[in-house]
Amino acid sequence: MIELAVIVAAVGYGAYRLVRAQAEARRYLEEGQGEAPLELDHLTPPLKRLALETRTLRISLESPIRALRELGRADIARTQEDIDAVDHALMEATRAVGEWLREVDALAEIDRQRLEDVGGSPEPVRAALIAEHGAFERGRFRVEGRPNLDVRLGQVASELARIEAALQVRSRIYR
């Protein structure tokens, strides 16, 4: 009888976590519906790819930002799996930001110059990663004299949004 109670409790808790995850996914999709389509016809193929990667990276950073904010709230139902998921999301964010920076660095000189001309410098993003000692980590959630990690990641996402907008609007001079 005790074993049955443990199984029922585990199934109930699993169902609770599933419902919570589904609600989070639904909220994420609802919030993302306002994304305007990218206008990229005026860009060279490498800059088009960069614009798409910039948007993808910006959107993908929303997940660890939300996870960090939730982690900052008291939650008696939080498990080690939840904490591990945050760590994994931060590791993925670090990898994705690093790949994006490598893609910018691999641009031809003319495309890098066009990016700079429209105000699309990758340096604020690079500086943010350097300030994190090369990785976004939960252990550095609170750093004296700096905003919490969710805010710092939000600043990176804002910078990416600014670059994305600059590539769409201001670079029309290169048609």
N, C-alpha and C. Protein backbone atom coordinates (compact mmCIF):
# COMPACT_ATOMS: atom_id res chain seq x y z
N MET A 1 0.81 -1.19 0.00
CA MET A 1 0.00 0.00 0.00
C MET A 1 0.87 1.26 0.00
N ILE A 2 1.97 1.23 0.76
CA ILE A 2 2.87 2.38 0.81
C ILE A 2 3.52 2.59 -0.55
N GLU A 3 3.90 1.49 -1.20
CA GLU A 3 4.50 1.60 -2.52
C GLU A 3 3.53 2.23 -3.51
N LEU A 4 2.27 1.87 -3.44
CA LEU A 4 1.26 2.44 -4.31
C LEU A 4 1.12 3.93 -4.05
N ALA A 5 1.15 4.34 -2.80
CA ALA A 5 1.05 5.76 -2.46
C ALA A 5 2.24 6.53 -3.02
N VAL A 6 3.43 5.94 -2.95
CA VAL A 6 4.63 6.59 -3.49
C VAL A 6 4.51 6.74 -5.00
N ILE A 7 4.02 5.71 -5.65
CA ILE A 7 3.86 5.75 -7.10
C ILE A 7 2.82 6.80 -7.49
N VAL A 8 1.70 6.83 -6.78
CA VAL A 8 0.66 7.82 -7.07
C VAL A 8 1.20 9.23 -6.86
N ALA A 9 1.95 9.44 -5.79
CA ALA A 9 2.54 10.76 -5.52
C ALA A 9 3.52 11.15 -6.63
N ALA A 10 4.35 10.20 -7.06
CA ALA A 10 5.32 10.49 -8.12
C ALA A 10 4.60 10.82 -9.43
N VAL A 11 3.56 10.08 -9.76
CA VAL A 11 2.81 10.34 -10.97
C VAL A 11 2.13 11.71 -10.87
N GLY A 12 1.57 12.00 -9.72
CA GLY A 12 0.92 13.30 -9.51
C GLY A 12 1.90 14.45 -9.67
N TYR A 13 3.08 14.29 -9.08
CA TYR A 13 4.08 15.34 -9.19
C TYR A 13 4.55 15.47 -10.64
N GLY A 14 4.72 14.36 -11.33
CA GLY A 14 5.11 14.40 -12.74
C GLY A 14 4.06 15.12 -13.58
N ALA A 15 2.78 14.85 -13.30
CA ALA A 15 1.70 15.53 -14.02
C ALA A 15 1.73 17.04 -13.73
N TYR A 16 1.97 17.39 -12.47
CA TYR A 16 2.08 18.81 -12.10
C TYR A 16 3.19 19.49 -12.89
N ARG A 17 4.36 18.86 -12.95
CA ARG A 17 5.49 19.45 -13.69
C ARG A 17 5.18 19.55 -15.18
N LEU A 18 4.49 18.56 -15.74
CA LEU A 18 4.13 18.59 -17.15
C LEU A 18 3.18 19.76 -17.43
N VAL A 19 2.18 19.94 -16.59
CA VAL A 19 1.24 21.04 -16.76
C VAL A 19 1.98 22.37 -16.65
N ARG A 20 2.89 22.48 -15.71
CA ARG A 20 3.67 23.70 -15.53
C ARG A 20 4.53 23.98 -16.76
N ALA A 21 5.17 22.95 -17.30
CA ALA A 21 6.01 23.12 -18.49
C ALA A 21 5.16 23.50 -19.70
N GLN A 22 3.98 22.90 -19.84
CA GLN A 22 3.10 23.23 -20.95
C GLN A 22 2.62 24.67 -20.86
N ALA A 23 2.31 25.13 -19.65
CA ALA A 23 1.87 26.51 -19.46
C ALA A 23 2.99 27.47 -19.83
N GLU A 24 4.21 27.13 -19.46
CA GLU A 24 5.37 27.97 -19.79
C GLU A 24 5.58 28.02 -21.30
N ALA A 25 5.47 26.88 -21.96
CA ALA A 25 5.64 26.84 -23.42
C ALA A 25 4.54 27.65 -24.11
N ARG A 26 3.31 27.52 -23.63
CA ARG A 26 2.21 28.27 -24.21
C ARG A 26 2.43 29.78 -24.05
N ARG A 27 2.86 30.21 -22.86
CA ARG A 27 3.13 31.63 -22.61
C ARG A 27 4.25 32.12 -23.53
N TYR A 28 5.27 31.30 -23.71
CA TYR A 28 6.39 31.67 -24.59
C TYR A 28 5.90 31.89 -26.02
N LEU A 29 5.08 30.97 -26.52
CA LEU A 29 4.57 31.10 -27.88
C LEU A 29 3.66 32.31 -28.04
N GLU A 30 2.83 32.56 -27.04
CA GLU A 30 1.93 33.71 -27.11
C GLU A 30 2.71 35.02 -27.12
N GLU A 31 3.76 35.09 -26.32
CA GLU A 31 4.56 36.30 -26.27
C GLU A 31 5.32 36.52 -27.58
N GLY A 32 5.69 35.45 -28.27
CA GLY A 32 6.48 35.55 -29.49
C GLY A 32 5.68 35.83 -30.74
N GLN A 33 4.35 35.86 -30.63
CA GLN A 33 3.53 36.05 -31.82
C GLN A 33 3.66 37.44 -32.41
N GLY A 34 4.16 38.41 -31.65
CA GLY A 34 4.27 39.77 -32.14
C GLY A 34 5.51 40.03 -32.97
N GLU A 35 6.28 39.03 -33.27
CA GLU A 35 7.50 39.20 -34.06
C GLU A 35 7.17 39.57 -35.49
N ALA A 36 7.70 40.69 -35.92
CA ALA A 36 7.51 41.10 -37.32
C ALA A 36 8.47 40.30 -38.20
N PRO A 37 8.06 40.00 -39.42
CA PRO A 37 8.96 39.27 -40.31
C PRO A 37 10.20 40.12 -40.61
N LEU A 38 11.31 39.47 -40.75
CA LEU A 38 12.55 40.17 -41.08
C LEU A 38 12.52 40.61 -42.54
N GLU A 39 13.01 41.80 -42.80
CA GLU A 39 13.16 42.29 -44.16
C GLU A 39 14.65 42.27 -44.49
N LEU A 40 15.03 41.32 -45.33
CA LEU A 40 16.46 41.07 -45.54
C LEU A 40 16.91 41.18 -46.98
N ASP A 41 16.03 41.52 -47.88
CA ASP A 41 16.38 41.53 -49.30
C ASP A 41 17.53 42.46 -49.64
N HIS A 42 17.75 43.47 -48.86
CA HIS A 42 18.79 44.46 -49.13
C HIS A 42 20.17 44.02 -48.62
N LEU A 43 20.24 42.88 -47.96
CA LEU A 43 21.49 42.43 -47.36
C LEU A 43 22.20 41.39 -48.22
N THR A 44 23.51 41.32 -48.06
CA THR A 44 24.28 40.26 -48.71
C THR A 44 23.91 38.94 -48.02
N PRO A 45 24.14 37.81 -48.69
CA PRO A 45 23.81 36.52 -48.06
C PRO A 45 24.43 36.33 -46.66
N PRO A 46 25.71 36.67 -46.45
CA PRO A 46 26.24 36.49 -45.09
C PRO A 46 25.54 37.38 -44.05
N LEU A 47 25.19 38.61 -44.44
CA LEU A 47 24.48 39.48 -43.49
C LEU A 47 23.04 39.02 -43.27
N LYS A 48 22.41 38.43 -44.30
CA LYS A 48 21.08 37.85 -44.12
C LYS A 48 21.15 36.73 -43.09
N ARG A 49 22.13 35.86 -43.25
CA ARG A 49 22.30 34.75 -42.32
C ARG A 49 22.55 35.28 -40.90
N LEU A 50 23.38 36.33 -40.80
CA LEU A 50 23.66 36.91 -39.49
C LEU A 50 22.40 37.51 -38.88
N ALA A 51 21.59 38.19 -39.69
CA ALA A 51 20.34 38.77 -39.17
C ALA A 51 19.42 37.68 -38.63
N LEU A 52 19.31 36.57 -39.37
CA LEU A 52 18.49 35.45 -38.90
C LEU A 52 19.05 34.85 -37.63
N GLU A 53 20.36 34.67 -37.58
CA GLU A 53 21.00 34.11 -36.38
C GLU A 53 20.87 35.05 -35.19
N THR A 54 20.90 36.35 -35.46
CA THR A 54 20.75 37.33 -34.39
C THR A 54 19.36 37.23 -33.77
N ARG A 55 18.35 37.14 -34.63
CA ARG A 55 16.98 37.00 -34.10
C ARG A 55 16.83 35.69 -33.35
N THR A 56 17.34 34.61 -33.91
CA THR A 56 17.23 33.31 -33.26
C THR A 56 17.91 33.34 -31.89
N LEU A 57 19.09 33.92 -31.82
CA LEU A 57 19.80 34.01 -30.55
C LEU A 57 19.03 34.86 -29.55
N ARG A 58 18.52 36.00 -29.99
CA ARG A 58 17.77 36.88 -29.10
C ARG A 58 16.57 36.14 -28.51
N ILE A 59 15.83 35.45 -29.36
CA ILE A 59 14.67 34.70 -28.88
C ILE A 59 15.08 33.56 -27.96
N SER A 60 16.17 32.89 -28.30
CA SER A 60 16.60 31.76 -27.46
C SER A 60 17.07 32.21 -26.08
N LEU A 61 17.52 33.45 -25.95
CA LEU A 61 17.94 33.95 -24.63
C LEU A 61 16.75 34.19 -23.70
N GLU A 62 15.56 34.28 -24.26
CA GLU A 62 14.38 34.49 -23.42
C GLU A 62 14.17 33.33 -22.45
N SER A 63 14.49 32.13 -22.87
CA SER A 63 14.29 30.96 -22.02
C SER A 63 15.17 30.99 -20.76
N PRO A 64 16.49 31.17 -20.88
CA PRO A 64 17.27 31.22 -19.64
C PRO A 64 16.95 32.46 -18.79
N ILE A 65 16.55 33.55 -19.43
CA ILE A 65 16.18 34.74 -18.65
C ILE A 65 14.96 34.42 -17.79
N ARG A 66 13.94 33.80 -18.39
CA ARG A 66 12.75 33.42 -17.62
C ARG A 66 13.10 32.40 -16.55
N ALA A 67 13.93 31.44 -16.89
CA ALA A 67 14.31 30.41 -15.93
C ALA A 67 15.04 31.02 -14.73
N LEU A 68 15.92 31.98 -14.98
CA LEU A 68 16.63 32.63 -13.89
C LEU A 68 15.67 33.43 -13.01
N ARG A 69 14.73 34.10 -13.63
CA ARG A 69 13.75 34.88 -12.85
C ARG A 69 12.92 33.96 -11.98
N GLU A 70 12.53 32.82 -12.52
CA GLU A 70 11.76 31.86 -11.73
C GLU A 70 12.62 31.28 -10.61
N LEU A 71 13.87 31.05 -10.89
CA LEU A 71 14.78 30.51 -9.88
C LEU A 71 14.93 31.49 -8.71
N GLY A 72 14.84 32.78 -9.01
CA GLY A 72 14.96 33.79 -7.97
C GLY A 72 13.76 33.86 -7.05
N ARG A 73 12.65 33.28 -7.46
CA ARG A 73 11.44 33.25 -6.63
C ARG A 73 11.45 32.00 -5.76
N ALA A 74 10.85 32.13 -4.59
CA ALA A 74 10.72 30.96 -3.70
C ALA A 74 9.75 29.98 -4.34
N ASP A 75 10.13 28.71 -4.37
CA ASP A 75 9.28 27.67 -4.95
C ASP A 75 9.59 26.36 -4.25
N ILE A 76 8.66 25.93 -3.41
CA ILE A 76 8.91 24.70 -2.65
C ILE A 76 8.89 23.46 -3.54
N ALA A 77 8.34 23.59 -4.73
CA ALA A 77 8.27 22.44 -5.65
C ALA A 77 9.51 22.33 -6.52
N ARG A 78 10.48 23.25 -6.36
CA ARG A 78 11.68 23.23 -7.21
C ARG A 78 12.50 21.98 -6.87
N THR A 79 13.03 21.38 -7.90
CA THR A 79 13.84 20.17 -7.73
C THR A 79 15.24 20.40 -8.28
N GLN A 80 16.09 19.45 -8.04
CA GLN A 80 17.43 19.51 -8.60
C GLN A 80 17.36 19.49 -10.13
N GLU A 81 16.36 18.81 -10.68
CA GLU A 81 16.17 18.80 -12.13
C GLU A 81 15.92 20.21 -12.66
N ASP A 82 15.13 21.00 -11.91
CA ASP A 82 14.85 22.38 -12.32
C ASP A 82 16.14 23.20 -12.34
N ILE A 83 16.95 23.03 -11.31
CA ILE A 83 18.22 23.76 -11.22
C ILE A 83 19.16 23.31 -12.32
N ASP A 84 19.20 22.01 -12.57
CA ASP A 84 20.03 21.49 -13.66
C ASP A 84 19.57 22.03 -15.01
N ALA A 85 18.26 22.19 -15.18
CA ALA A 85 17.72 22.73 -16.43
C ALA A 85 18.19 24.18 -16.62
N VAL A 86 18.24 24.95 -15.54
CA VAL A 86 18.73 26.33 -15.63
C VAL A 86 20.20 26.31 -16.02
N ASP A 87 20.98 25.45 -15.39
CA ASP A 87 22.41 25.35 -15.73
C ASP A 87 22.60 24.98 -17.19
N HIS A 88 21.78 24.05 -17.67
CA HIS A 88 21.87 23.63 -19.08
C HIS A 88 21.50 24.79 -20.00
N ALA A 89 20.43 25.52 -19.66
CA ALA A 89 20.01 26.66 -20.48
C ALA A 89 21.11 27.72 -20.54
N LEU A 90 21.79 27.94 -19.42
CA LEU A 90 22.87 28.93 -19.39
C LEU A 90 24.07 28.45 -20.21
N MET A 91 24.35 27.15 -20.14
CA MET A 91 25.44 26.59 -20.94
C MET A 91 25.12 26.75 -22.44
N GLU A 92 23.87 26.48 -22.81
CA GLU A 92 23.45 26.65 -24.21
C GLU A 92 23.51 28.11 -24.63
N ALA A 93 23.12 29.02 -23.73
CA ALA A 93 23.18 30.45 -24.04
C ALA A 93 24.63 30.87 -24.29
N THR A 94 25.53 30.39 -23.46
CA THR A 94 26.96 30.70 -23.63
C THR A 94 27.46 30.19 -24.97
N ARG A 95 27.11 28.95 -25.29
CA ARG A 95 27.53 28.36 -26.57
C ARG A 95 26.98 29.15 -27.74
N ALA A 96 25.70 29.51 -27.67
CA ALA A 96 25.05 30.23 -28.78
C ALA A 96 25.64 31.63 -28.95
N VAL A 97 25.91 32.33 -27.86
CA VAL A 97 26.52 33.66 -27.97
C VAL A 97 27.92 33.54 -28.57
N GLY A 98 28.67 32.54 -28.14
CA GLY A 98 30.01 32.32 -28.69
C GLY A 98 29.97 32.02 -30.18
N GLU A 99 29.01 31.19 -30.60
CA GLU A 99 28.88 30.88 -32.03
C GLU A 99 28.49 32.12 -32.82
N TRP A 100 27.60 32.95 -32.26
CA TRP A 100 27.19 34.17 -32.94
C TRP A 100 28.39 35.10 -33.12
N LEU A 101 29.19 35.25 -32.08
CA LEU A 101 30.38 36.09 -32.17
C LEU A 101 31.36 35.55 -33.21
N ARG A 102 31.52 34.23 -33.28
CA ARG A 102 32.40 33.64 -34.30
C ARG A 102 31.86 33.91 -35.70
N GLU A 103 30.53 33.87 -35.84
CA GLU A 103 29.93 34.15 -37.15
C GLU A 103 30.20 35.61 -37.56
N VAL A 104 30.09 36.52 -36.60
CA VAL A 104 30.39 37.93 -36.89
C VAL A 104 31.85 38.07 -37.29
N ASP A 105 32.74 37.42 -36.53
CA ASP A 105 34.17 37.52 -36.81
C ASP A 105 34.54 36.92 -38.16
N ALA A 106 33.74 35.97 -38.64
CA ALA A 106 34.03 35.31 -39.91
C ALA A 106 33.50 36.09 -41.12
N LEU A 107 32.77 37.17 -40.88
CA LEU A 107 32.26 37.97 -42.00
C LEU A 107 33.41 38.54 -42.81
N ALA A 108 33.19 38.70 -44.09
CA ALA A 108 34.16 39.39 -44.95
C ALA A 108 34.28 40.83 -44.46
N GLU A 109 35.40 41.44 -44.74
CA GLU A 109 35.66 42.80 -44.27
C GLU A 109 34.56 43.77 -44.69
N ILE A 110 34.08 43.66 -45.93
CA ILE A 110 33.03 44.58 -46.40
C ILE A 110 31.74 44.41 -45.60
N ASP A 111 31.38 43.17 -45.27
CA ASP A 111 30.18 42.94 -44.49
C ASP A 111 30.36 43.40 -43.04
N ARG A 112 31.54 43.20 -42.48
CA ARG A 112 31.80 43.72 -41.12
C ARG A 112 31.69 45.23 -41.11
N GLN A 113 32.19 45.86 -42.17
CA GLN A 113 32.12 47.32 -42.25
C GLN A 113 30.66 47.78 -42.38
N ARG A 114 29.88 47.09 -43.19
CA ARG A 114 28.46 47.43 -43.33
C ARG A 114 27.75 47.29 -41.99
N LEU A 115 28.06 46.24 -41.27
CA LEU A 115 27.47 46.03 -39.95
C LEU A 115 27.83 47.18 -39.01
N GLU A 116 29.08 47.57 -39.02
CA GLU A 116 29.52 48.71 -38.19
C GLU A 116 28.86 50.00 -38.65
N ASP A 117 28.73 50.21 -39.98
CA ASP A 117 28.13 51.43 -40.51
C ASP A 117 26.70 51.65 -40.03
N VAL A 118 25.97 50.56 -39.84
CA VAL A 118 24.58 50.70 -39.39
C VAL A 118 24.47 50.65 -37.87
N GLY A 119 25.60 50.63 -37.19
CA GLY A 119 25.59 50.62 -35.73
C GLY A 119 25.43 49.24 -35.13
N GLY A 120 25.81 48.23 -35.89
CA GLY A 120 25.65 46.85 -35.44
C GLY A 120 26.91 46.25 -34.86
N SER A 121 27.57 46.93 -33.99
CA SER A 121 28.80 46.40 -33.42
C SER A 121 28.53 45.22 -32.49
N PRO A 122 29.31 44.15 -32.65
CA PRO A 122 29.17 43.01 -31.75
C PRO A 122 29.89 43.23 -30.42
N GLU A 123 30.60 44.32 -30.30
CA GLU A 123 31.46 44.51 -29.12
C GLU A 123 30.71 44.55 -27.79
N PRO A 124 29.52 45.15 -27.70
CA PRO A 124 28.80 45.08 -26.42
C PRO A 124 28.46 43.64 -26.02
N VAL A 125 28.13 42.80 -26.99
CA VAL A 125 27.83 41.39 -26.71
C VAL A 125 29.11 40.68 -26.28
N ARG A 126 30.19 40.94 -26.98
CA ARG A 126 31.48 40.35 -26.63
C ARG A 126 31.91 40.79 -25.23
N ALA A 127 31.74 42.08 -24.93
CA ALA A 127 32.11 42.61 -23.62
C ALA A 127 31.28 41.96 -22.51
N ALA A 128 30.00 41.71 -22.79
CA ALA A 128 29.15 41.06 -21.79
C ALA A 128 29.64 39.65 -21.49
N LEU A 129 30.03 38.91 -22.52
CA LEU A 129 30.53 37.55 -22.31
C LEU A 129 31.87 37.58 -21.57
N ILE A 130 32.71 38.52 -21.91
CA ILE A 130 34.00 38.65 -21.22
C ILE A 130 33.77 38.99 -19.75
N ALA A 131 32.81 39.89 -19.48
CA ALA A 131 32.50 40.27 -18.09
C ALA A 131 32.01 39.08 -17.28
N GLU A 132 31.46 38.08 -17.96
CA GLU A 132 31.00 36.86 -17.28
C GLU A 132 32.10 35.81 -17.21
N HIS A 133 33.32 36.21 -17.51
CA HIS A 133 34.48 35.30 -17.53
C HIS A 133 34.29 34.18 -18.54
N GLY A 134 33.61 34.51 -19.66
CA GLY A 134 33.48 33.58 -20.77
C GLY A 134 32.30 32.63 -20.68
N ALA A 135 31.50 32.70 -19.62
CA ALA A 135 30.36 31.78 -19.50
C ALA A 135 29.29 32.38 -18.58
N PHE A 136 28.05 32.20 -18.98
CA PHE A 136 26.93 32.59 -18.13
C PHE A 136 26.70 31.43 -17.16
N GLU A 137 26.81 31.70 -15.86
CA GLU A 137 26.72 30.64 -14.85
C GLU A 137 25.80 31.06 -13.71
N ARG A 138 25.01 30.10 -13.26
CA ARG A 138 24.10 30.34 -12.15
C ARG A 138 24.85 30.77 -10.90
N GLY A 139 26.05 30.27 -10.73
CA GLY A 139 26.87 30.63 -9.57
C GLY A 139 27.22 32.11 -9.52
N ARG A 140 27.06 32.78 -10.66
CA ARG A 140 27.33 34.22 -10.71
C ARG A 140 26.02 34.99 -10.92
N PHE A 141 24.96 34.45 -10.35
CA PHE A 141 23.65 35.09 -10.47
C PHE A 141 23.70 36.50 -9.89
N ARG A 142 24.26 36.61 -8.70
CA ARG A 142 24.42 37.91 -8.05
C ARG A 142 25.91 38.23 -7.98
N VAL A 143 26.27 39.36 -8.56
CA VAL A 143 27.64 39.85 -8.52
C VAL A 143 27.58 41.26 -7.96
N GLU A 144 28.34 41.50 -6.94
CA GLU A 144 28.31 42.81 -6.28
C GLU A 144 28.57 43.93 -7.29
N GLY A 145 27.72 44.94 -7.21
CA GLY A 145 27.88 46.10 -8.07
C GLY A 145 27.29 45.93 -9.46
N ARG A 146 26.69 44.78 -9.75
CA ARG A 146 26.12 44.54 -11.08
C ARG A 146 24.69 44.02 -10.91
N PRO A 147 23.87 44.19 -11.94
CA PRO A 147 22.51 43.62 -11.88
C PRO A 147 22.59 42.10 -11.83
N ASN A 148 21.49 41.48 -11.44
CA ASN A 148 21.42 40.01 -11.43
C ASN A 148 21.62 39.47 -12.85
N LEU A 149 21.96 38.20 -12.93
CA LEU A 149 22.28 37.57 -14.22
C LEU A 149 21.12 37.65 -15.20
N ASP A 150 19.88 37.53 -14.74
CA ASP A 150 18.76 37.62 -15.67
C ASP A 150 18.72 39.00 -16.34
N VAL A 151 19.05 40.03 -15.59
CA VAL A 151 19.09 41.39 -16.16
C VAL A 151 20.27 41.53 -17.12
N ARG A 152 21.40 40.96 -16.75
CA ARG A 152 22.58 41.04 -17.63
C ARG A 152 22.31 40.31 -18.94
N LEU A 153 21.69 39.15 -18.88
CA LEU A 153 21.33 38.43 -20.11
C LEU A 153 20.28 39.22 -20.90
N GLY A 154 19.38 39.88 -20.20
CA GLY A 154 18.40 40.73 -20.86
C GLY A 154 19.06 41.88 -21.61
N GLN A 155 20.15 42.39 -21.06
CA GLN A 155 20.89 43.45 -21.75
C GLN A 155 21.53 42.93 -23.03
N VAL A 156 22.03 41.70 -23.00
CA VAL A 156 22.57 41.08 -24.21
C VAL A 156 21.46 40.93 -25.25
N ALA A 157 20.29 40.45 -24.81
CA ALA A 157 19.16 40.29 -25.72
C ALA A 157 18.73 41.64 -26.31
N SER A 158 18.76 42.67 -25.50
CA SER A 158 18.41 44.01 -26.00
C SER A 158 19.42 44.50 -27.04
N GLU A 159 20.67 44.22 -26.81
CA GLU A 159 21.70 44.61 -27.77
C GLU A 159 21.51 43.85 -29.09
N LEU A 160 21.17 42.57 -28.99
CA LEU A 160 20.90 41.79 -30.20
C LEU A 160 19.68 42.34 -30.94
N ALA A 161 18.65 42.76 -30.21
CA ALA A 161 17.47 43.35 -30.84
C ALA A 161 17.85 44.64 -31.56
N ARG A 162 18.73 45.42 -30.96
CA ARG A 162 19.17 46.66 -31.59
C ARG A 162 19.93 46.36 -32.89
N ILE A 163 20.80 45.35 -32.87
CA ILE A 163 21.55 44.96 -34.07
C ILE A 163 20.60 44.45 -35.14
N GLU A 164 19.64 43.64 -34.73
CA GLU A 164 18.65 43.09 -35.66
C GLU A 164 17.88 44.22 -36.34
N ALA A 165 17.46 45.20 -35.56
CA ALA A 165 16.72 46.34 -36.12
C ALA A 165 17.61 47.16 -37.05
N ALA A 166 18.86 47.35 -36.67
CA ALA A 166 19.78 48.14 -37.50
C ALA A 166 20.00 47.46 -38.85
N LEU A 167 20.12 46.16 -38.84
CA LEU A 167 20.32 45.44 -40.10
C LEU A 167 19.11 45.56 -41.01
N GLN A 168 17.93 45.62 -40.44
CA GLN A 168 16.72 45.69 -41.26
C GLN A 168 16.46 47.06 -41.83
N VAL A 169 16.65 48.08 -41.04
CA VAL A 169 16.20 49.41 -41.44
C VAL A 169 17.33 50.24 -42.02
N ARG A 170 18.36 50.41 -41.26
CA ARG A 170 19.39 51.37 -41.64
C ARG A 170 20.29 50.90 -42.77
N SER A 171 20.35 49.60 -42.98
CA SER A 171 21.26 49.11 -44.00
C SER A 171 20.66 49.15 -45.40
N ARG A 172 19.48 49.70 -45.56
CA ARG A 172 18.86 49.81 -46.89
C ARG A 172 19.73 50.62 -47.85
N ILE A 173 20.66 51.40 -47.31
CA ILE A 173 21.55 52.18 -48.17
C ILE A 173 22.44 51.30 -49.03
N TYR A 174 22.48 50.00 -48.73
CA TYR A 174 23.36 49.10 -49.48
C TYR A 174 22.63 48.36 -50.58
N ARG A 175 21.46 48.75 -50.93
CA ARG A 175 20.73 48.05 -52.00
C ARG A 175 21.44 48.11 -53.30
